[in-house]
Amino acid sequence: MDKFYIEMLNNEVRLYDPTGVVFFILKECNGTHYTSQVYKYETIVNELKDWTIKVIKENKTNHLNSFSYNEIIKPMFTAHTREEKLNQLGI
């Protein structure tokens, strides 16, 4: 059950978990991309944003696509170890 879904609607992209709950929204306005609050995904919001923009550029269709949590999202979290976060904060 690691399939997640992405839906593109005009200038808005929504990422859904397997239960259908939206956990990330990327909205484009005048060439700038804005993101929603992602709660438990907050530590990887920039990575999710970059990945989602890449998906938009590669796939112009508006249908619902699926992607693997283990292949896409999980590696984003593992890149954020405690030590890396402390280094980013200068601690």
PDB file of N, CA and C in Angstrom:
ATOM      1  N   MET A   1       0.833  -1.196   0.000  1.00  0.00           N
ATOM      2  CA  MET A   1       0.000   0.000   0.000  1.00  0.00           C
ATOM      3  C   MET A   1       0.870   1.249   0.000  1.00  0.00           C
ATOM      4  N   ASP A   2       1.917   1.252  -0.808  1.00  0.00           N
ATOM      5  CA  ASP A   2       2.775   2.428  -0.822  1.00  0.00           C
ATOM      6  C   ASP A   2       2.494   3.326  -2.018  1.00  0.00           C
ATOM      7  N   LYS A   3       1.383   3.121  -2.721  1.00  0.00           N
ATOM      8  CA  LYS A   3       1.052   3.956  -3.867  1.00  0.00           C
ATOM      9  C   LYS A   3       0.433   5.268  -3.410  1.00  0.00           C
ATOM     10  N   PHE A   4       0.988   6.351  -3.899  1.00  0.00           N
ATOM     11  CA  PHE A   4       0.460   7.678  -3.669  1.00  0.00           C
ATOM     12  C   PHE A   4       0.042   8.234  -5.024  1.00  0.00           C
ATOM     13  N   TYR A   5      -0.728   9.299  -5.038  1.00  0.00           N
ATOM     14  CA  TYR A   5      -1.297   9.795  -6.287  1.00  0.00           C
ATOM     15  C   TYR A   5      -1.053  11.288  -6.449  1.00  0.00           C
ATOM     16  N   ILE A   6      -0.917  11.696  -7.709  1.00  0.00           N
ATOM     17  CA  ILE A   6      -0.725  13.099  -8.036  1.00  0.00           C
ATOM     18  C   ILE A   6      -1.766  13.484  -9.074  1.00  0.00           C
ATOM     19  N   GLU A   7      -2.423  14.616  -8.839  1.00  0.00           N
ATOM     20  CA  GLU A   7      -3.458  15.099  -9.750  1.00  0.00           C
ATOM     21  C   GLU A   7      -3.132  16.541 -10.124  1.00  0.00           C
ATOM     22  N   MET A   8      -3.147  16.822 -11.431  1.00  0.00           N
ATOM     23  CA  MET A   8      -2.857  18.159 -11.921  1.00  0.00           C
ATOM     24  C   MET A   8      -4.143  18.808 -12.404  1.00  0.00           C
ATOM     25  N   LEU A   9      -4.468  19.961 -11.834  1.00  0.00           N
ATOM     26  CA  LEU A   9      -5.670  20.707 -12.191  1.00  0.00           C
ATOM     27  C   LEU A   9      -5.279  22.146 -12.508  1.00  0.00           C
ATOM     28  N   ASN A  10      -5.202  22.492 -13.786  1.00  0.00           N
ATOM     29  CA  ASN A  10      -4.816  23.833 -14.220  1.00  0.00           C
ATOM     30  C   ASN A  10      -3.516  24.266 -13.559  1.00  0.00           C
ATOM     31  N   ASN A  11      -3.578  25.238 -12.649  1.00  0.00           N
ATOM     32  CA  ASN A  11      -2.358  25.738 -12.009  1.00  0.00           C
ATOM     33  C   ASN A  11      -2.154  25.160 -10.607  1.00  0.00           C
ATOM     34  N   GLU A  12      -2.781  24.023 -10.329  1.00  0.00           N
ATOM     35  CA  GLU A  12      -2.673  23.417  -9.001  1.00  0.00           C
ATOM     36  C   GLU A  12      -2.378  21.924  -9.137  1.00  0.00           C
ATOM     37  N   VAL A  13      -1.487  21.443  -8.295  1.00  0.00           N
ATOM     38  CA  VAL A  13      -1.143  20.023  -8.266  1.00  0.00           C
ATOM     39  C   VAL A  13      -1.379  19.530  -6.848  1.00  0.00           C
ATOM     40  N   ARG A  14      -2.073  18.400  -6.727  1.00  0.00           N
ATOM     41  CA  ARG A  14      -2.363  17.824  -5.410  1.00  0.00           C
ATOM     42  C   ARG A  14      -1.761  16.434  -5.312  1.00  0.00           C
ATOM     43  N   LEU A  15      -1.131  16.168  -4.180  1.00  0.00           N
ATOM     44  CA  LEU A  15      -0.605  14.841  -3.894  1.00  0.00           C
ATOM     45  C   LEU A  15      -1.498  14.207  -2.832  1.00  0.00           C
ATOM     46  N   TYR A  16      -1.965  12.989  -3.107  1.00  0.00           N
ATOM     47  CA  TYR A  16      -2.879  12.256  -2.229  1.00  0.00           C
ATOM     48  C   TYR A  16      -2.173  11.048  -1.631  1.00  0.00           C
ATOM     49  N   ASP A  17      -2.564  10.713  -0.406  1.00  0.00           N
ATOM     50  CA  ASP A  17      -2.083   9.453   0.163  1.00  0.00           C
ATOM     51  C   ASP A  17      -3.025   8.340  -0.295  1.00  0.00           C
ATOM     52  N   PRO A  18      -2.720   7.078   0.036  1.00  0.00           N
ATOM     53  CA  PRO A  18      -3.556   5.964  -0.453  1.00  0.00           C
ATOM     54  C   PRO A  18      -5.015   6.018  -0.011  1.00  0.00           C
ATOM     55  N   THR A  19      -5.317   6.759   1.055  1.00  0.00           N
ATOM     56  CA  THR A  19      -6.704   6.852   1.514  1.00  0.00           C
ATOM     57  C   THR A  19      -7.462   7.979   0.826  1.00  0.00           C
ATOM     58  N   GLY A  20      -6.786   8.746  -0.023  1.00  0.00           N
ATOM     59  CA  GLY A  20      -7.436   9.842  -0.728  1.00  0.00           C
ATOM     60  C   GLY A  20      -7.293  11.188  -0.054  1.00  0.00           C
ATOM     61  N   VAL A  21      -6.543  11.257   1.040  1.00  0.00           N
ATOM     62  CA  VAL A  21      -6.335  12.510   1.761  1.00  0.00           C
ATOM     63  C   VAL A  21      -5.214  13.303   1.090  1.00  0.00           C
ATOM     64  N   VAL A  22      -5.495  14.571   0.793  1.00  0.00           N
ATOM     65  CA  VAL A  22      -4.482  15.445   0.198  1.00  0.00           C
ATOM     66  C   VAL A  22      -3.458  15.803   1.268  1.00  0.00           C
ATOM     67  N   PHE A  23      -2.178  15.580   0.970  1.00  0.00           N
ATOM     68  CA  PHE A  23      -1.152  15.930   1.950  1.00  0.00           C
ATOM     69  C   PHE A  23      -0.191  16.994   1.439  1.00  0.00           C
ATOM     70  N   PHE A  24      -0.320  17.382   0.166  1.00  0.00           N
ATOM     71  CA  PHE A  24       0.568  18.406  -0.372  1.00  0.00           C
ATOM     72  C   PHE A  24      -0.099  19.058  -1.576  1.00  0.00           C
ATOM     73  N   ILE A  25      -0.080  20.392  -1.609  1.00  0.00           N
ATOM     74  CA  ILE A  25      -0.624  21.128  -2.742  1.00  0.00           C
ATOM     75  C   ILE A  25       0.443  22.097  -3.237  1.00  0.00           C
ATOM     76  N   LEU A  26       0.644  22.109  -4.535  1.00  0.00           N
ATOM     77  CA  LEU A  26       1.555  23.049  -5.174  1.00  0.00           C
ATOM     78  C   LEU A  26       0.722  23.894  -6.125  1.00  0.00           C
ATOM     79  N   LYS A  27       0.789  25.202  -5.952  1.00  0.00           N
ATOM     80  CA  LYS A  27      -0.005  26.102  -6.777  1.00  0.00           C
ATOM     81  C   LYS A  27       0.927  27.083  -7.473  1.00  0.00           C
ATOM     82  N   GLU A  28       0.660  27.319  -8.762  1.00  0.00           N
ATOM     83  CA  GLU A  28       1.468  28.246  -9.537  1.00  0.00           C
ATOM     84  C   GLU A  28       0.674  29.523  -9.774  1.00  0.00           C
ATOM     85  N   CYS A  29       1.320  30.662  -9.524  1.00  0.00           N
ATOM     86  CA  CYS A  29       0.684  31.958  -9.748  1.00  0.00           C
ATOM     87  C   CYS A  29       1.733  32.904 -10.312  1.00  0.00           C
ATOM     88  N   ASN A  30       1.516  33.362 -11.524  1.00  0.00           N
ATOM     89  CA  ASN A  30       2.444  34.279 -12.195  1.00  0.00           C
ATOM     90  C   ASN A  30       3.875  33.758 -12.227  1.00  0.00           C
ATOM     91  N   GLY A  31       4.034  32.465 -12.481  1.00  0.00           N
ATOM     92  CA  GLY A  31       5.360  31.878 -12.604  1.00  0.00           C
ATOM     93  C   GLY A  31       6.018  31.485 -11.299  1.00  0.00           C
ATOM     94  N   THR A  32       5.374  31.762 -10.164  1.00  0.00           N
ATOM     95  CA  THR A  32       5.914  31.391  -8.859  1.00  0.00           C
ATOM     96  C   THR A  32       5.101  30.237  -8.295  1.00  0.00           C
ATOM     97  N   HIS A  33       5.791  29.261  -7.692  1.00  0.00           N
ATOM     98  CA  HIS A  33       5.116  28.099  -7.108  1.00  0.00           C
ATOM     99  C   HIS A  33       5.008  28.264  -5.594  1.00  0.00           C
ATOM    100  N   TYR A  34       3.806  28.033  -5.092  1.00  0.00           N
ATOM    101  CA  TYR A  34       3.533  28.104  -3.659  1.00  0.00           C
ATOM    102  C   TYR A  34       3.108  26.725  -3.169  1.00  0.00           C
ATOM    103  N   THR A  35       3.462  26.392  -1.935  1.00  0.00           N
ATOM    104  CA  THR A  35       3.117  25.090  -1.384  1.00  0.00           C
ATOM    105  C   THR A  35       2.184  25.233  -0.196  1.00  0.00           C
ATOM    106  N   SER A  36       1.480  24.142   0.082  1.00  0.00           N
ATOM    107  CA  SER A  36       0.609  24.090   1.248  1.00  0.00           C
ATOM    108  C   SER A  36       1.418  23.665   2.468  1.00  0.00           C
ATOM    109  N   GLN A  37       0.815  23.764   3.620  1.00  0.00           N
ATOM    110  CA  GLN A  37       1.417  23.227   4.837  1.00  0.00           C
ATOM    111  C   GLN A  37       1.330  21.706   4.740  1.00  0.00           C
ATOM    112  N   VAL A  38       2.435  21.030   4.982  1.00  0.00           N
ATOM    113  CA  VAL A  38       2.457  19.595   4.775  1.00  0.00           C
ATOM    114  C   VAL A  38       2.607  18.792   6.062  1.00  0.00           C
ATOM    115  N   TYR A  39       2.589  19.465   7.215  1.00  0.00           N
ATOM    116  CA  TYR A  39       2.649  18.815   8.520  1.00  0.00           C
ATOM    117  C   TYR A  39       3.778  17.809   8.629  1.00  0.00           C
ATOM    118  N   LYS A  40       3.506  16.525   8.631  1.00  0.00           N
ATOM    119  CA  LYS A  40       4.584  15.558   8.851  1.00  0.00           C
ATOM    120  C   LYS A  40       5.571  15.525   7.690  1.00  0.00           C
ATOM    121  N   TYR A  41       5.211  16.120   6.560  1.00  0.00           N
ATOM    122  CA  TYR A  41       6.114  16.192   5.411  1.00  0.00           C
ATOM    123  C   TYR A  41       6.874  17.516   5.368  1.00  0.00           C
ATOM    124  N   GLU A  42       6.726  18.317   6.408  1.00  0.00           N
ATOM    125  CA  GLU A  42       7.317  19.651   6.425  1.00  0.00           C
ATOM    126  C   GLU A  42       8.835  19.640   6.247  1.00  0.00           C
ATOM    127  N   THR A  43       9.508  18.634   6.754  1.00  0.00           N
ATOM    128  CA  THR A  43      10.974  18.576   6.636  1.00  0.00           C
ATOM    129  C   THR A  43      11.440  18.375   5.200  1.00  0.00           C
ATOM    130  N   ILE A  44      10.555  17.894   4.339  1.00  0.00           N
ATOM    131  CA  ILE A  44      10.959  17.653   2.948  1.00  0.00           C
ATOM    132  C   ILE A  44      10.151  18.502   1.977  1.00  0.00           C
ATOM    133  N   VAL A  45       9.565  19.594   2.447  1.00  0.00           N
ATOM    134  CA  VAL A  45       8.703  20.407   1.588  1.00  0.00           C
ATOM    135  C   VAL A  45       9.435  20.913   0.345  1.00  0.00           C
ATOM    136  N   ASN A  46      10.677  21.330   0.472  1.00  0.00           N
ATOM    137  CA  ASN A  46      11.411  21.821  -0.698  1.00  0.00           C
ATOM    138  C   ASN A  46      11.694  20.713  -1.700  1.00  0.00           C
ATOM    139  N   GLU A  47      12.001  19.523  -1.207  1.00  0.00           N
ATOM    140  CA  GLU A  47      12.224  18.387  -2.088  1.00  0.00           C
ATOM    141  C   GLU A  47      10.936  17.979  -2.798  1.00  0.00           C
ATOM    142  N   LEU A  48       9.826  17.972  -2.052  1.00  0.00           N
ATOM    143  CA  LEU A  48       8.528  17.659  -2.665  1.00  0.00           C
ATOM    144  C   LEU A  48       8.184  18.692  -3.732  1.00  0.00           C
ATOM    145  N   LYS A  49       8.434  19.954  -3.425  1.00  0.00           N
ATOM    146  CA  LYS A  49       8.154  21.029  -4.380  1.00  0.00           C
ATOM    147  C   LYS A  49       8.976  20.830  -5.656  1.00  0.00           C
ATOM    148  N   ASP A  50      10.281  20.608  -5.512  1.00  0.00           N
ATOM    149  CA  ASP A  50      11.153  20.424  -6.673  1.00  0.00           C
ATOM    150  C   ASP A  50      10.733  19.206  -7.495  1.00  0.00           C
ATOM    151  N   TRP A  51      10.429  18.100  -6.803  1.00  0.00           N
ATOM    152  CA  TRP A  51      10.028  16.879  -7.494  1.00  0.00           C
ATOM    153  C   TRP A  51       8.710  17.090  -8.238  1.00  0.00           C
ATOM    154  N   THR A  52       7.755  17.767  -7.593  1.00  0.00           N
ATOM    155  CA  THR A  52       6.446  18.000  -8.206  1.00  0.00           C
ATOM    156  C   THR A  52       6.570  18.896  -9.434  1.00  0.00           C
ATOM    157  N   ILE A  53       7.401  19.932  -9.357  1.00  0.00           N
ATOM    158  CA  ILE A  53       7.629  20.799 -10.517  1.00  0.00           C
ATOM    159  C   ILE A  53       8.230  19.995 -11.663  1.00  0.00           C
ATOM    160  N   LYS A  54       9.146  19.095 -11.350  1.00  0.00           N
ATOM    161  CA  LYS A  54       9.750  18.232 -12.377  1.00  0.00           C
ATOM    162  C   LYS A  54       8.678  17.352 -13.035  1.00  0.00           C
ATOM    163  N   VAL A  55       7.772  16.796 -12.228  1.00  0.00           N
ATOM    164  CA  VAL A  55       6.688  15.962 -12.767  1.00  0.00           C
ATOM    165  C   VAL A  55       5.803  16.778 -13.697  1.00  0.00           C
ATOM    166  N   ILE A  56       5.480  18.011 -13.303  1.00  0.00           N
ATOM    167  CA  ILE A  56       4.631  18.880 -14.129  1.00  0.00           C
ATOM    168  C   ILE A  56       5.289  19.118 -15.480  1.00  0.00           C
ATOM    169  N   LYS A  57       6.573  19.427 -15.463  1.00  0.00           N
ATOM    170  CA  LYS A  57       7.279  19.721 -16.715  1.00  0.00           C
ATOM    171  C   LYS A  57       7.366  18.503 -17.624  1.00  0.00           C
ATOM    172  N   GLU A  58       7.487  17.321 -17.038  1.00  0.00           N
ATOM    173  CA  GLU A  58       7.618  16.099 -17.825  1.00  0.00           C
ATOM    174  C   GLU A  58       6.291  15.555 -18.316  1.00  0.00           C
ATOM    175  N   ASN A  59       5.201  15.858 -17.610  1.00  0.00           N
ATOM    176  CA  ASN A  59       3.907  15.264 -17.922  1.00  0.00           C
ATOM    177  C   ASN A  59       2.842  16.346 -17.950  1.00  0.00           C
ATOM    178  N   LYS A  60       2.443  16.750 -19.119  1.00  0.00           N
ATOM    179  CA  LYS A  60       1.470  17.834 -19.261  1.00  0.00           C
ATOM    180  C   LYS A  60       0.020  17.360 -19.170  1.00  0.00           C
ATOM    181  N   THR A  61      -0.209  16.073 -19.041  1.00  0.00           N
ATOM    182  CA  THR A  61      -1.587  15.585 -18.953  1.00  0.00           C
ATOM    183  C   THR A  61      -2.149  15.878 -17.570  1.00  0.00           C
ATOM    184  N   ASN A  62      -3.463  15.922 -17.482  1.00  0.00           N
ATOM    185  CA  ASN A  62      -4.122  16.271 -16.227  1.00  0.00           C
ATOM    186  C   ASN A  62      -4.710  15.070 -15.501  1.00  0.00           C
ATOM    187  N   HIS A  63      -4.349  13.866 -15.923  1.00  0.00           N
ATOM    188  CA  HIS A  63      -4.931  12.696 -15.271  1.00  0.00           C
ATOM    189  C   HIS A  63      -4.165  12.354 -13.993  1.00  0.00           C
ATOM    190  N   LEU A  64      -4.771  11.523 -13.204  1.00  0.00           N
ATOM    191  CA  LEU A  64      -4.194  11.115 -11.923  1.00  0.00           C
ATOM    192  C   LEU A  64      -3.110  10.077 -12.148  1.00  0.00           C
ATOM    193  N   ASN A  65      -1.920  10.372 -11.673  1.00  0.00           N
ATOM    194  CA  ASN A  65      -0.792   9.450 -11.788  1.00  0.00           C
ATOM    195  C   ASN A  65      -0.492   8.862 -10.415  1.00  0.00           C
ATOM    196  N   SER A  66       0.072   7.676 -10.395  1.00  0.00           N
ATOM    197  CA  SER A  66       0.477   7.108  -9.107  1.00  0.00           C
ATOM    198  C   SER A  66       1.992   7.085  -9.025  1.00  0.00           C
ATOM    199  N   PHE A  67       2.487   7.106  -7.798  1.00  0.00           N
ATOM    200  CA  PHE A  67       3.917   7.003  -7.571  1.00  0.00           C
ATOM    201  C   PHE A  67       4.145   6.256  -6.277  1.00  0.00           C
ATOM    202  N   SER A  68       5.330   5.730  -6.115  1.00  0.00           N
ATOM    203  CA  SER A  68       5.646   4.901  -4.965  1.00  0.00           C
ATOM    204  C   SER A  68       6.222   5.729  -3.824  1.00  0.00           C
ATOM    205  N   TYR A  69       5.652   5.575  -2.648  1.00  0.00           N
ATOM    206  CA  TYR A  69       6.166   6.236  -1.447  1.00  0.00           C
ATOM    207  C   TYR A  69       7.614   5.816  -1.205  1.00  0.00           C
ATOM    208  N   ASN A  70       7.871   4.515  -1.298  1.00  0.00           N
ATOM    209  CA  ASN A  70       9.218   4.000  -1.015  1.00  0.00           C
ATOM    210  C   ASN A  70      10.264   4.490  -2.010  1.00  0.00           C
ATOM    211  N   GLU A  71       9.855   4.731  -3.253  1.00  0.00           N
ATOM    212  CA  GLU A  71      10.806   5.178  -4.274  1.00  0.00           C
ATOM    213  C   GLU A  71      10.988   6.694  -4.308  1.00  0.00           C
ATOM    214  N   ILE A  72       9.949   7.440  -3.992  1.00  0.00           N
ATOM    215  CA  ILE A  72       9.998   8.901  -4.134  1.00  0.00           C
ATOM    216  C   ILE A  72      10.138   9.620  -2.790  1.00  0.00           C
ATOM    217  N   ILE A  73       9.222   9.393  -1.876  1.00  0.00           N
ATOM    218  CA  ILE A  73       9.171  10.183  -0.641  1.00  0.00           C
ATOM    219  C   ILE A  73      10.140   9.685   0.424  1.00  0.00           C
ATOM    220  N   LYS A  74      10.196   8.393   0.625  1.00  0.00           N
ATOM    221  CA  LYS A  74      11.062   7.851   1.677  1.00  0.00           C
ATOM    222  C   LYS A  74      12.524   8.282   1.525  1.00  0.00           C
ATOM    223  N   PRO A  75      13.106   8.239   0.308  1.00  0.00           N
ATOM    224  CA  PRO A  75      14.488   8.713   0.172  1.00  0.00           C
ATOM    225  C   PRO A  75      14.662  10.194   0.518  1.00  0.00           C
ATOM    226  N   MET A  76      13.613  10.994   0.324  1.00  0.00           N
ATOM    227  CA  MET A  76      13.693  12.411   0.701  1.00  0.00           C
ATOM    228  C   MET A  76      13.866  12.545   2.206  1.00  0.00           C
ATOM    229  N   PHE A  77      13.150  11.715   2.973  1.00  0.00           N
ATOM    230  CA  PHE A  77      13.272  11.755   4.430  1.00  0.00           C
ATOM    231  C   PHE A  77      14.647  11.278   4.891  1.00  0.00           C
ATOM    232  N   THR A  78      15.164  10.225   4.274  1.00  0.00           N
ATOM    233  CA  THR A  78      16.447   9.692   4.727  1.00  0.00           C
ATOM    234  C   THR A  78      17.585  10.662   4.460  1.00  0.00           C
ATOM    235  N   ALA A  79      17.380  11.586   3.520  1.00  0.00           N
ATOM    236  CA  ALA A  79      18.402  12.604   3.252  1.00  0.00           C
ATOM    237  C   ALA A  79      18.441  13.646   4.362  1.00  0.00           C
ATOM    238  N   HIS A  80      17.443  13.628   5.215  1.00  0.00           N
ATOM    239  CA  HIS A  80      17.373  14.618   6.289  1.00  0.00           C
ATOM    240  C   HIS A  80      17.639  13.963   7.642  1.00  0.00           C
ATOM    241  N   THR A  81      18.856  13.578   7.844  1.00  0.00           N
ATOM    242  CA  THR A  81      19.216  13.016   9.140  1.00  0.00           C
ATOM    243  C   THR A  81      19.357  14.136  10.155  1.00  0.00           C
ATOM    244  N   ARG A  82      19.375  13.794  11.394  1.00  0.00           N
ATOM    245  CA  ARG A  82      19.504  14.782  12.465  1.00  0.00           C
ATOM    246  C   ARG A  82      20.781  15.595  12.308  1.00  0.00           C
ATOM    247  N   GLU A  83      21.875  14.933  11.969  1.00  0.00           N
ATOM    248  CA  GLU A  83      23.155  15.619  11.838  1.00  0.00           C
ATOM    249  C   GLU A  83      23.116  16.639  10.699  1.00  0.00           C
ATOM    250  N   GLU A  84      22.493  16.266   9.588  1.00  0.00           N
ATOM    251  CA  GLU A  84      22.411  17.194   8.464  1.00  0.00           C
ATOM    252  C   GLU A  84      21.581  18.419   8.835  1.00  0.00           C
ATOM    253  N   LYS A  85      20.488  18.217   9.550  1.00  0.00           N
ATOM    254  CA  LYS A  85      19.653  19.331   9.981  1.00  0.00           C
ATOM    255  C   LYS A  85      20.428  20.259  10.918  1.00  0.00           C
ATOM    256  N   LEU A  86      21.186  19.680  11.859  1.00  0.00           N
ATOM    257  CA  LEU A  86      21.978  20.499  12.771  1.00  0.00           C
ATOM    258  C   LEU A  86      23.022  21.302  12.007  1.00  0.00           C
ATOM    259  N   ASN A  87      23.645  20.676  11.020  1.00  0.00           N
ATOM    260  CA  ASN A  87      24.629  21.395  10.204  1.00  0.00           C
ATOM    261  C   ASN A  87      23.990  22.536   9.430  1.00  0.00           C
ATOM    262  N   GLN A  88      22.800  22.299   8.882  1.00  0.00           N
ATOM    263  CA  GLN A  88      22.097  23.354   8.153  1.00  0.00           C
ATOM    264  C   GLN A  88      21.776  24.522   9.066  1.00  0.00           C
ATOM    265  N   LEU A  89      21.476  24.234  10.309  1.00  0.00           N
ATOM    266  CA  LEU A  89      21.147  25.284  11.274  1.00  0.00           C
ATOM    267  C   LEU A  89      22.392  25.920  11.885  1.00  0.00           C
ATOM    268  N   GLY A  90      23.552  25.376  11.569  1.00  0.00           N
ATOM    269  CA  GLY A  90      24.798  25.919  12.099  1.00  0.00           C
ATOM    270  C   GLY A  90      25.066  25.546  13.536  1.00  0.00           C
ATOM    271  N   ILE A  91      24.526  24.428  13.956  1.00  0.00           N
ATOM    272  CA  ILE A  91      24.691  23.978  15.353  1.00  0.00           C
ATOM    273  C   ILE A  91      25.738  22.896  15.426  1.00  0.00           C
TER     274      ILE A  91
END
